[in-house]
Amino acid sequence: MSRPVRLGATLCAALVLGAALTACSPTFDWRTIMNDDNGYTVDLPAKPGNDRRDVQINGMPMQMAMQTAEAGDAVFAVGTIMLPNDSEATQRAALDFLRTGLARNVGAAPDARAVQIPLAAGGKVLGLEMTLKGEAGSKHESRTVYARLVARGRHVYQAAIIAAGPLPQEQIDQFFSSFQIF
C-alpha cells in the first residue's frame, strides 16, 4: 500500500515543480523591429513600447529615443541619441555618458570591452560591450545589465538588457546578434 502513496506523492511533487518552473519561465515572443527613424533593426521578445528622455551630454541638451520590451523579469531596450554633429569627440562624449550612466545605475565599475557591431548593409563597426552586476533603485534590488554601445554618424546607440538575474545565453545572443545599425 505504501508504494502507490510514494508514487502519487512523487508524481504530485513533479507536477508542482513543473508548474512552478513553467510559471517562472518568461515567454519570449521574438519579433523583428525595423526602426527606420533611428536607423536600426533588432529582435525584441515582446511588442515594444516607445519613450523619449531628455539627457545632458557635456552640458548640451539632447533627446534619447527608447524602444523597450519586457519578458519575464527582464527589459530589453534600444536607446538612440541624435547628436548635433558627427564629430568623433561628440560621439566619444555620448558613448562615455552612456557607459558611465549604466554602471552608475547599478553601482558597478564602467568596464567595457571592444566588440564588432553588425551593419544592416553588411560589414561591422567597432562598439563597446558591457556586463554589469549590482544593485539598483531605492530597494537596492539585484540587477544584471548586458549592453552594447556604438556610434555611427550622428547616432549613438545603446542596446541593453536589464534583468533581475542572469539570463539564458540564447536569449542574450538572440537580442544582440539581431541588433544591426543602418
N, C-alpha and C. Protein backbone atom coordinates (compact mmCIF):
# COMPACT_ATOMS: atom_id res chain seq x y z
N MET A 1 0.82 -1.19 0.00
CA MET A 1 0.00 0.00 0.00
C MET A 1 0.86 1.25 0.00
N SER A 2 2.04 1.16 0.59
CA SER A 2 2.89 2.34 0.64
C SER A 2 3.44 2.72 -0.73
N ARG A 3 3.55 1.77 -1.64
CA ARG A 3 4.10 2.04 -2.96
C ARG A 3 3.23 3.04 -3.74
N PRO A 4 1.89 2.87 -3.85
CA PRO A 4 1.09 3.84 -4.56
C PRO A 4 1.14 5.23 -3.92
N VAL A 5 1.26 5.30 -2.60
CA VAL A 5 1.34 6.59 -1.94
C VAL A 5 2.62 7.30 -2.35
N ARG A 6 3.74 6.61 -2.37
CA ARG A 6 5.02 7.22 -2.77
C ARG A 6 4.97 7.66 -4.23
N LEU A 7 4.43 6.79 -5.08
CA LEU A 7 4.33 7.13 -6.49
C LEU A 7 3.44 8.36 -6.66
N GLY A 8 2.32 8.37 -5.94
CA GLY A 8 1.41 9.52 -6.01
C GLY A 8 2.08 10.78 -5.48
N ALA A 9 2.79 10.66 -4.36
CA ALA A 9 3.49 11.82 -3.80
C ALA A 9 4.57 12.31 -4.75
N THR A 10 5.31 11.37 -5.35
CA THR A 10 6.37 11.73 -6.30
C THR A 10 5.77 12.42 -7.52
N LEU A 11 4.68 11.86 -8.05
CA LEU A 11 4.02 12.45 -9.21
C LEU A 11 3.50 13.84 -8.89
N CYS A 12 2.90 13.97 -7.72
CA CYS A 12 2.38 15.27 -7.28
C CYS A 12 3.50 16.30 -7.16
N ALA A 13 4.61 15.89 -6.55
CA ALA A 13 5.76 16.78 -6.40
C ALA A 13 6.31 17.19 -7.77
N ALA A 14 6.37 16.24 -8.70
CA ALA A 14 6.87 16.55 -10.05
C ALA A 14 5.94 17.53 -10.76
N LEU A 15 4.63 17.35 -10.61
CA LEU A 15 3.69 18.27 -11.24
C LEU A 15 3.79 19.67 -10.64
N VAL A 16 3.91 19.76 -9.33
CA VAL A 16 4.05 21.06 -8.67
C VAL A 16 5.33 21.74 -9.12
N LEU A 17 6.43 20.99 -9.17
CA LEU A 17 7.71 21.55 -9.62
C LEU A 17 7.61 22.00 -11.07
N GLY A 18 6.99 21.19 -11.92
CA GLY A 18 6.83 21.55 -13.32
C GLY A 18 6.00 22.82 -13.48
N ALA A 19 4.93 22.92 -12.72
CA ALA A 19 4.08 24.12 -12.78
C ALA A 19 4.84 25.34 -12.29
N ALA A 20 5.63 25.17 -11.24
CA ALA A 20 6.42 26.29 -10.72
C ALA A 20 7.45 26.75 -11.73
N LEU A 21 8.12 25.82 -12.38
CA LEU A 21 9.12 26.19 -13.39
C LEU A 21 8.47 26.86 -14.59
N THR A 22 7.31 26.38 -14.99
CA THR A 22 6.60 27.00 -16.10
C THR A 22 6.17 28.40 -15.73
N ALA A 23 5.71 28.60 -14.52
CA ALA A 23 5.27 29.93 -14.08
C ALA A 23 6.43 30.90 -14.02
N CYS A 24 7.62 30.43 -13.75
CA CYS A 24 8.79 31.30 -13.64
C CYS A 24 9.46 31.54 -14.99
N SER A 25 9.15 30.77 -16.00
CA SER A 25 9.79 30.91 -17.30
C SER A 25 9.14 32.05 -18.08
N PRO A 26 9.92 33.07 -18.43
CA PRO A 26 9.34 34.16 -19.21
C PRO A 26 9.02 33.68 -20.62
N THR A 27 8.01 34.29 -21.21
CA THR A 27 7.65 33.98 -22.58
C THR A 27 8.39 34.95 -23.49
N PHE A 28 9.17 34.41 -24.39
CA PHE A 28 9.89 35.21 -25.36
C PHE A 28 9.21 35.05 -26.70
N ASP A 29 8.47 36.05 -27.11
CA ASP A 29 7.76 36.06 -28.39
C ASP A 29 8.54 36.99 -29.32
N TRP A 30 9.65 36.49 -29.83
CA TRP A 30 10.58 37.32 -30.61
C TRP A 30 9.94 37.84 -31.88
N ARG A 31 10.19 39.11 -32.16
CA ARG A 31 9.72 39.76 -33.37
C ARG A 31 10.79 40.74 -33.83
N THR A 32 10.97 40.86 -35.14
CA THR A 32 11.96 41.78 -35.69
C THR A 32 11.34 43.16 -35.81
N ILE A 33 12.02 44.13 -35.24
CA ILE A 33 11.58 45.53 -35.27
C ILE A 33 12.54 46.31 -36.15
N MET A 34 11.99 46.99 -37.13
CA MET A 34 12.79 47.83 -38.01
C MET A 34 12.49 49.28 -37.65
N ASN A 35 13.48 49.99 -37.15
CA ASN A 35 13.29 51.38 -36.75
C ASN A 35 13.99 52.27 -37.77
N ASP A 36 13.24 52.66 -38.80
CA ASP A 36 13.81 53.48 -39.87
C ASP A 36 14.17 54.89 -39.38
N ASP A 37 13.39 55.43 -38.45
CA ASP A 37 13.65 56.78 -37.95
C ASP A 37 15.01 56.88 -37.26
N ASN A 38 15.38 55.84 -36.51
CA ASN A 38 16.63 55.88 -35.76
C ASN A 38 17.72 54.98 -36.34
N GLY A 39 17.43 54.27 -37.41
CA GLY A 39 18.46 53.56 -38.15
C GLY A 39 18.95 52.26 -37.57
N TYR A 40 18.03 51.39 -37.14
CA TYR A 40 18.45 50.07 -36.65
C TYR A 40 17.34 49.05 -36.84
N THR A 41 17.74 47.79 -36.73
CA THR A 41 16.81 46.68 -36.68
C THR A 41 17.23 45.79 -35.52
N VAL A 42 16.25 45.18 -34.84
CA VAL A 42 16.55 44.35 -33.67
C VAL A 42 15.38 43.40 -33.43
N ASP A 43 15.67 42.26 -32.85
CA ASP A 43 14.61 41.35 -32.40
C ASP A 43 14.30 41.66 -30.94
N LEU A 44 13.01 41.85 -30.65
CA LEU A 44 12.58 42.10 -29.27
C LEU A 44 11.63 40.97 -28.85
N PRO A 45 11.63 40.61 -27.55
CA PRO A 45 10.87 39.46 -27.08
C PRO A 45 9.38 39.71 -26.84
N ALA A 46 8.91 40.90 -27.14
CA ALA A 46 7.50 41.26 -26.96
C ALA A 46 7.24 42.54 -27.75
N LYS A 47 5.97 42.91 -27.84
CA LYS A 47 5.63 44.15 -28.53
C LYS A 47 6.28 45.33 -27.81
N PRO A 48 7.03 46.17 -28.52
CA PRO A 48 7.75 47.25 -27.86
C PRO A 48 6.89 48.48 -27.56
N GLY A 49 7.33 49.19 -26.54
CA GLY A 49 6.79 50.50 -26.23
C GLY A 49 7.83 51.54 -26.61
N ASN A 50 7.41 52.77 -26.73
CA ASN A 50 8.32 53.86 -27.11
C ASN A 50 8.32 54.94 -26.04
N ASP A 51 9.47 55.58 -25.87
CA ASP A 51 9.61 56.64 -24.88
C ASP A 51 10.71 57.59 -25.35
N ARG A 52 10.74 58.76 -24.80
CA ARG A 52 11.81 59.75 -25.06
C ARG A 52 12.24 60.33 -23.73
N ARG A 53 13.54 60.58 -23.63
CA ARG A 53 14.09 61.18 -22.41
C ARG A 53 15.04 62.30 -22.80
N ASP A 54 15.02 63.35 -22.01
CA ASP A 54 15.99 64.42 -22.19
C ASP A 54 17.26 64.05 -21.45
N VAL A 55 18.41 64.25 -22.10
CA VAL A 55 19.70 63.99 -21.47
C VAL A 55 20.60 65.19 -21.69
N GLN A 56 21.58 65.33 -20.82
CA GLN A 56 22.58 66.40 -20.93
C GLN A 56 23.93 65.73 -21.12
N ILE A 57 24.56 65.97 -22.24
CA ILE A 57 25.88 65.42 -22.51
C ILE A 57 26.84 66.58 -22.71
N ASN A 58 27.81 66.67 -21.79
CA ASN A 58 28.77 67.79 -21.80
C ASN A 58 28.05 69.14 -21.85
N GLY A 59 26.96 69.25 -21.09
CA GLY A 59 26.23 70.50 -21.00
C GLY A 59 25.30 70.78 -22.16
N MET A 60 25.23 69.86 -23.12
CA MET A 60 24.35 70.06 -24.28
C MET A 60 23.09 69.22 -24.13
N PRO A 61 21.90 69.85 -24.24
CA PRO A 61 20.66 69.08 -24.14
C PRO A 61 20.45 68.25 -25.42
N MET A 62 20.10 66.99 -25.22
CA MET A 62 19.82 66.09 -26.34
C MET A 62 18.65 65.21 -25.94
N GLN A 63 18.09 64.51 -26.91
CA GLN A 63 16.99 63.58 -26.63
C GLN A 63 17.43 62.17 -26.93
N MET A 64 16.97 61.26 -26.07
CA MET A 64 17.22 59.83 -26.27
C MET A 64 15.88 59.16 -26.53
N ALA A 65 15.74 58.58 -27.72
CA ALA A 65 14.54 57.81 -28.06
C ALA A 65 14.77 56.39 -27.56
N MET A 66 13.75 55.80 -26.93
CA MET A 66 13.86 54.45 -26.38
C MET A 66 12.76 53.58 -26.94
N GLN A 67 13.14 52.35 -27.27
CA GLN A 67 12.18 51.32 -27.63
C GLN A 67 12.44 50.16 -26.67
N THR A 68 11.40 49.76 -25.91
CA THR A 68 11.58 48.74 -24.87
C THR A 68 10.54 47.65 -24.96
N ALA A 69 10.95 46.46 -24.52
CA ALA A 69 10.02 45.32 -24.44
C ALA A 69 10.38 44.52 -23.20
N GLU A 70 9.36 44.01 -22.51
CA GLU A 70 9.58 43.21 -21.29
C GLU A 70 9.24 41.76 -21.53
N ALA A 71 10.07 40.90 -20.95
CA ALA A 71 9.81 39.45 -20.97
C ALA A 71 10.26 38.91 -19.62
N GLY A 72 9.33 38.41 -18.84
CA GLY A 72 9.67 37.91 -17.51
C GLY A 72 10.20 39.04 -16.65
N ASP A 73 11.34 38.82 -16.02
CA ASP A 73 11.96 39.83 -15.16
C ASP A 73 13.04 40.61 -15.88
N ALA A 74 12.93 40.73 -17.20
CA ALA A 74 13.95 41.44 -17.98
C ALA A 74 13.31 42.48 -18.89
N VAL A 75 14.03 43.59 -19.07
CA VAL A 75 13.65 44.63 -20.01
C VAL A 75 14.72 44.67 -21.10
N PHE A 76 14.28 44.60 -22.33
CA PHE A 76 15.16 44.69 -23.49
C PHE A 76 14.93 46.06 -24.10
N ALA A 77 15.99 46.82 -24.35
CA ALA A 77 15.82 48.19 -24.81
C ALA A 77 16.88 48.60 -25.82
N VAL A 78 16.46 49.47 -26.73
CA VAL A 78 17.41 50.13 -27.62
C VAL A 78 17.15 51.62 -27.47
N GLY A 79 18.19 52.34 -27.07
CA GLY A 79 18.13 53.78 -26.95
C GLY A 79 18.97 54.41 -28.05
N THR A 80 18.48 55.51 -28.61
CA THR A 80 19.20 56.21 -29.67
C THR A 80 19.27 57.69 -29.33
N ILE A 81 20.48 58.21 -29.34
CA ILE A 81 20.68 59.65 -29.15
C ILE A 81 21.08 60.25 -30.49
N MET A 82 20.34 61.29 -30.92
CA MET A 82 20.69 62.01 -32.14
C MET A 82 21.62 63.13 -31.74
N LEU A 83 22.84 63.09 -32.26
CA LEU A 83 23.87 64.06 -31.91
C LEU A 83 23.75 65.32 -32.77
N PRO A 84 24.26 66.46 -32.27
CA PRO A 84 24.20 67.69 -33.06
C PRO A 84 25.18 67.67 -34.25
N ASN A 85 26.18 66.78 -34.17
CA ASN A 85 27.14 66.64 -35.28
C ASN A 85 27.73 65.24 -35.22
N ASP A 86 28.53 64.89 -36.21
CA ASP A 86 29.10 63.54 -36.24
C ASP A 86 30.59 63.53 -35.93
N SER A 87 31.05 64.52 -35.17
CA SER A 87 32.48 64.55 -34.82
C SER A 87 32.82 63.42 -33.87
N GLU A 88 34.04 62.95 -33.96
CA GLU A 88 34.49 61.86 -33.10
C GLU A 88 34.42 62.25 -31.63
N ALA A 89 34.72 63.52 -31.32
CA ALA A 89 34.68 63.98 -29.93
C ALA A 89 33.25 63.93 -29.37
N THR A 90 32.27 64.32 -30.17
CA THR A 90 30.87 64.28 -29.74
C THR A 90 30.40 62.83 -29.56
N GLN A 91 30.78 61.97 -30.50
CA GLN A 91 30.44 60.56 -30.39
C GLN A 91 31.04 59.95 -29.12
N ARG A 92 32.33 60.24 -28.89
CA ARG A 92 33.03 59.70 -27.72
C ARG A 92 32.37 60.18 -26.42
N ALA A 93 31.99 61.47 -26.36
CA ALA A 93 31.34 62.01 -25.16
C ALA A 93 30.00 61.30 -24.90
N ALA A 94 29.24 61.05 -25.96
CA ALA A 94 27.94 60.37 -25.79
C ALA A 94 28.14 58.91 -25.36
N LEU A 95 29.10 58.22 -25.95
CA LEU A 95 29.39 56.84 -25.54
C LEU A 95 29.84 56.78 -24.09
N ASP A 96 30.67 57.74 -23.68
CA ASP A 96 31.14 57.78 -22.30
C ASP A 96 29.98 58.07 -21.34
N PHE A 97 29.08 58.96 -21.73
CA PHE A 97 27.90 59.28 -20.95
C PHE A 97 27.06 58.02 -20.71
N LEU A 98 26.81 57.24 -21.77
CA LEU A 98 26.01 56.02 -21.65
C LEU A 98 26.73 54.96 -20.82
N ARG A 99 28.01 54.77 -21.07
CA ARG A 99 28.80 53.75 -20.36
C ARG A 99 28.83 54.03 -18.87
N THR A 100 29.15 55.25 -18.48
CA THR A 100 29.23 55.58 -17.06
C THR A 100 27.84 55.60 -16.42
N GLY A 101 26.81 56.00 -17.16
CA GLY A 101 25.45 56.02 -16.63
C GLY A 101 24.94 54.63 -16.32
N LEU A 102 25.16 53.69 -17.23
CA LEU A 102 24.74 52.30 -16.98
C LEU A 102 25.43 51.75 -15.74
N ALA A 103 26.73 51.98 -15.64
CA ALA A 103 27.49 51.47 -14.49
C ALA A 103 27.04 52.12 -13.18
N ARG A 104 26.82 53.41 -13.21
CA ARG A 104 26.38 54.14 -12.01
C ARG A 104 25.01 53.63 -11.54
N ASN A 105 24.13 53.28 -12.48
CA ASN A 105 22.79 52.81 -12.12
C ASN A 105 22.79 51.54 -11.28
N VAL A 106 23.85 50.74 -11.39
CA VAL A 106 23.93 49.51 -10.59
C VAL A 106 25.14 49.50 -9.66
N GLY A 107 25.80 50.65 -9.52
CA GLY A 107 26.93 50.76 -8.60
C GLY A 107 28.11 49.91 -9.00
N ALA A 108 28.38 49.82 -10.30
CA ALA A 108 29.48 48.99 -10.80
C ALA A 108 30.52 49.86 -11.49
N ALA A 109 31.69 49.30 -11.72
CA ALA A 109 32.73 49.99 -12.48
C ALA A 109 32.32 50.02 -13.96
N PRO A 110 32.61 51.11 -14.67
CA PRO A 110 32.18 51.24 -16.07
C PRO A 110 33.08 50.50 -17.05
N ASP A 111 33.41 49.25 -16.73
CA ASP A 111 34.29 48.46 -17.58
C ASP A 111 33.58 48.04 -18.87
N ALA A 112 34.30 48.15 -19.97
CA ALA A 112 33.76 47.75 -21.28
C ALA A 112 34.89 47.16 -22.10
N ARG A 113 34.49 46.34 -23.06
CA ARG A 113 35.47 45.78 -23.98
C ARG A 113 35.00 46.04 -25.41
N ALA A 114 35.94 46.04 -26.33
CA ALA A 114 35.61 46.27 -27.74
C ALA A 114 34.83 45.09 -28.31
N VAL A 115 33.88 45.39 -29.19
CA VAL A 115 33.08 44.36 -29.86
C VAL A 115 32.69 44.90 -31.24
N GLN A 116 32.51 44.01 -32.18
CA GLN A 116 32.07 44.38 -33.51
C GLN A 116 30.54 44.38 -33.57
N ILE A 117 29.96 45.47 -34.04
CA ILE A 117 28.51 45.60 -34.18
C ILE A 117 28.18 45.50 -35.67
N PRO A 118 27.27 44.59 -36.05
CA PRO A 118 26.97 44.43 -37.47
C PRO A 118 26.18 45.59 -38.06
N LEU A 119 26.48 45.88 -39.32
CA LEU A 119 25.73 46.86 -40.10
C LEU A 119 24.70 46.12 -40.93
N ALA A 120 23.52 46.67 -41.07
CA ALA A 120 22.45 46.02 -41.83
C ALA A 120 22.85 45.80 -43.29
N ALA A 121 23.66 46.68 -43.85
CA ALA A 121 24.08 46.57 -45.25
C ALA A 121 25.29 45.67 -45.43
N GLY A 122 25.79 45.09 -44.33
CA GLY A 122 26.98 44.26 -44.37
C GLY A 122 28.15 44.99 -43.76
N GLY A 123 29.09 44.25 -43.26
CA GLY A 123 30.23 44.85 -42.58
C GLY A 123 29.94 45.03 -41.11
N LYS A 124 30.91 45.61 -40.43
CA LYS A 124 30.79 45.83 -38.99
C LYS A 124 31.45 47.15 -38.61
N VAL A 125 31.09 47.63 -37.43
CA VAL A 125 31.67 48.85 -36.88
C VAL A 125 32.04 48.55 -35.42
N LEU A 126 33.07 49.20 -34.95
CA LEU A 126 33.56 48.97 -33.59
C LEU A 126 32.63 49.60 -32.56
N GLY A 127 32.32 48.84 -31.52
CA GLY A 127 31.49 49.31 -30.43
C GLY A 127 32.03 48.82 -29.11
N LEU A 128 31.24 48.99 -28.06
CA LEU A 128 31.62 48.55 -26.72
C LEU A 128 30.60 47.56 -26.19
N GLU A 129 31.07 46.62 -25.37
CA GLU A 129 30.19 45.63 -24.74
C GLU A 129 30.45 45.65 -23.24
N MET A 130 29.37 45.56 -22.47
CA MET A 130 29.47 45.58 -21.01
C MET A 130 28.56 44.52 -20.41
N THR A 131 29.01 43.90 -19.33
CA THR A 131 28.15 43.07 -18.49
C THR A 131 28.40 43.56 -17.06
N LEU A 132 27.33 44.07 -16.45
CA LEU A 132 27.44 44.67 -15.12
C LEU A 132 26.49 43.97 -14.16
N LYS A 133 26.93 43.85 -12.93
CA LYS A 133 26.06 43.29 -11.88
C LYS A 133 26.15 44.21 -10.67
N GLY A 134 24.99 44.46 -10.08
CA GLY A 134 24.97 45.32 -8.90
C GLY A 134 23.57 45.50 -8.40
N GLU A 135 23.39 46.53 -7.60
CA GLU A 135 22.08 46.84 -7.02
C GLU A 135 21.56 48.14 -7.60
N ALA A 136 20.24 48.18 -7.82
CA ALA A 136 19.64 49.36 -8.43
C ALA A 136 18.39 49.78 -7.66
N GLY A 137 18.06 51.03 -7.78
CA GLY A 137 16.83 51.55 -7.20
C GLY A 137 16.89 51.75 -5.70
N SER A 138 15.81 52.33 -5.18
CA SER A 138 15.74 52.62 -3.75
C SER A 138 15.68 51.35 -2.90
N LYS A 139 15.24 50.25 -3.49
CA LYS A 139 15.16 48.98 -2.76
C LYS A 139 16.44 48.16 -2.89
N HIS A 140 17.42 48.69 -3.61
CA HIS A 140 18.71 48.01 -3.80
C HIS A 140 18.53 46.58 -4.31
N GLU A 141 17.72 46.45 -5.35
CA GLU A 141 17.45 45.14 -5.93
C GLU A 141 18.59 44.72 -6.85
N SER A 142 18.92 43.45 -6.83
CA SER A 142 19.99 42.92 -7.66
C SER A 142 19.60 43.03 -9.14
N ARG A 143 20.55 43.50 -9.96
CA ARG A 143 20.32 43.64 -11.39
C ARG A 143 21.56 43.18 -12.15
N THR A 144 21.31 42.57 -13.30
CA THR A 144 22.36 42.24 -14.25
C THR A 144 22.07 43.04 -15.51
N VAL A 145 23.07 43.74 -16.01
CA VAL A 145 22.92 44.56 -17.20
C VAL A 145 23.87 44.04 -18.27
N TYR A 146 23.32 43.77 -19.44
CA TYR A 146 24.10 43.42 -20.61
C TYR A 146 23.90 44.57 -21.59
N ALA A 147 24.98 45.13 -22.13
CA ALA A 147 24.81 46.29 -23.01
C ALA A 147 25.85 46.31 -24.12
N ARG A 148 25.43 46.88 -25.23
CA ARG A 148 26.34 47.20 -26.33
C ARG A 148 26.08 48.64 -26.71
N LEU A 149 27.17 49.38 -26.90
CA LEU A 149 27.11 50.79 -27.24
C LEU A 149 27.89 51.00 -28.54
N VAL A 150 27.35 51.86 -29.40
CA VAL A 150 28.03 52.11 -30.67
C VAL A 150 27.61 53.47 -31.21
N ALA A 151 28.55 54.13 -31.89
CA ALA A 151 28.28 55.41 -32.54
C ALA A 151 28.47 55.24 -34.04
N ARG A 152 27.58 55.86 -34.80
CA ARG A 152 27.71 55.86 -36.26
C ARG A 152 27.06 57.13 -36.78
N GLY A 153 27.86 57.96 -37.40
CA GLY A 153 27.35 59.24 -37.91
C GLY A 153 26.85 60.10 -36.75
N ARG A 154 25.64 60.59 -36.89
CA ARG A 154 25.05 61.44 -35.85
C ARG A 154 24.21 60.66 -34.84
N HIS A 155 24.32 59.33 -34.83
CA HIS A 155 23.57 58.50 -33.90
C HIS A 155 24.51 57.77 -32.94
N VAL A 156 24.08 57.67 -31.69
CA VAL A 156 24.74 56.81 -30.71
C VAL A 156 23.66 55.87 -30.18
N TYR A 157 24.00 54.58 -30.15
CA TYR A 157 23.03 53.54 -29.78
C TYR A 157 23.44 52.84 -28.49
N GLN A 158 22.43 52.48 -27.72
CA GLN A 158 22.60 51.67 -26.52
C GLN A 158 21.59 50.52 -26.60
N ALA A 159 22.08 49.33 -26.89
CA ALA A 159 21.23 48.13 -26.86
C ALA A 159 21.50 47.48 -25.51
N ALA A 160 20.47 47.28 -24.71
CA ALA A 160 20.69 46.79 -23.35
C ALA A 160 19.59 45.85 -22.89
N ILE A 161 20.00 44.95 -22.01
CA ILE A 161 19.07 44.07 -21.30
C ILE A 161 19.31 44.33 -19.82
N ILE A 162 18.25 44.64 -19.09
CA ILE A 162 18.34 44.82 -17.65
C ILE A 162 17.47 43.73 -17.03
N ALA A 163 18.09 42.85 -16.26
CA ALA A 163 17.38 41.69 -15.73
C ALA A 163 17.57 41.55 -14.23
N ALA A 164 16.63 40.87 -13.59
CA ALA A 164 16.72 40.62 -12.16
C ALA A 164 17.86 39.66 -11.83
N GLY A 165 18.30 38.91 -12.80
CA GLY A 165 19.41 37.96 -12.62
C GLY A 165 19.93 37.54 -13.97
N PRO A 166 20.89 36.65 -13.99
CA PRO A 166 21.43 36.19 -15.27
C PRO A 166 20.35 35.57 -16.15
N LEU A 167 20.45 35.81 -17.46
CA LEU A 167 19.52 35.25 -18.43
C LEU A 167 20.16 34.09 -19.17
N PRO A 168 19.36 33.22 -19.75
CA PRO A 168 19.93 32.16 -20.59
C PRO A 168 20.71 32.79 -21.75
N GLN A 169 21.85 32.23 -22.06
CA GLN A 169 22.71 32.79 -23.10
C GLN A 169 22.01 32.90 -24.44
N GLU A 170 21.11 31.97 -24.75
CA GLU A 170 20.43 32.03 -26.05
C GLU A 170 19.55 33.26 -26.18
N GLN A 171 18.99 33.76 -25.07
CA GLN A 171 18.17 34.98 -25.12
C GLN A 171 19.06 36.21 -25.33
N ILE A 172 20.19 36.23 -24.68
CA ILE A 172 21.15 37.33 -24.85
C ILE A 172 21.65 37.34 -26.29
N ASP A 173 22.02 36.17 -26.79
CA ASP A 173 22.53 36.07 -28.17
C ASP A 173 21.48 36.47 -29.19
N GLN A 174 20.23 36.07 -28.97
CA GLN A 174 19.15 36.42 -29.90
C GLN A 174 19.05 37.94 -30.04
N PHE A 175 19.05 38.62 -28.91
CA PHE A 175 18.91 40.08 -28.91
C PHE A 175 20.12 40.75 -29.57
N PHE A 176 21.31 40.44 -29.10
CA PHE A 176 22.49 41.15 -29.59
C PHE A 176 22.88 40.76 -31.02
N SER A 177 22.68 39.51 -31.40
CA SER A 177 23.05 39.14 -32.78
C SER A 177 22.07 39.75 -33.80
N SER A 178 20.86 40.08 -33.36
CA SER A 178 19.89 40.69 -34.27
C SER A 178 20.04 42.21 -34.37
N PHE A 179 20.75 42.82 -33.45
CA PHE A 179 20.89 44.28 -33.42
C PHE A 179 21.86 44.71 -34.53
N GLN A 180 21.32 45.40 -35.52
CA GLN A 180 22.12 45.91 -36.64
C GLN A 180 21.76 47.36 -36.88
N ILE A 181 22.77 48.15 -37.18
CA ILE A 181 22.51 49.57 -37.46
C ILE A 181 22.65 49.84 -38.95
N PHE A 182 21.96 50.90 -39.38
CA PHE A 182 21.99 51.27 -40.81
C PHE A 182 23.20 52.13 -41.10
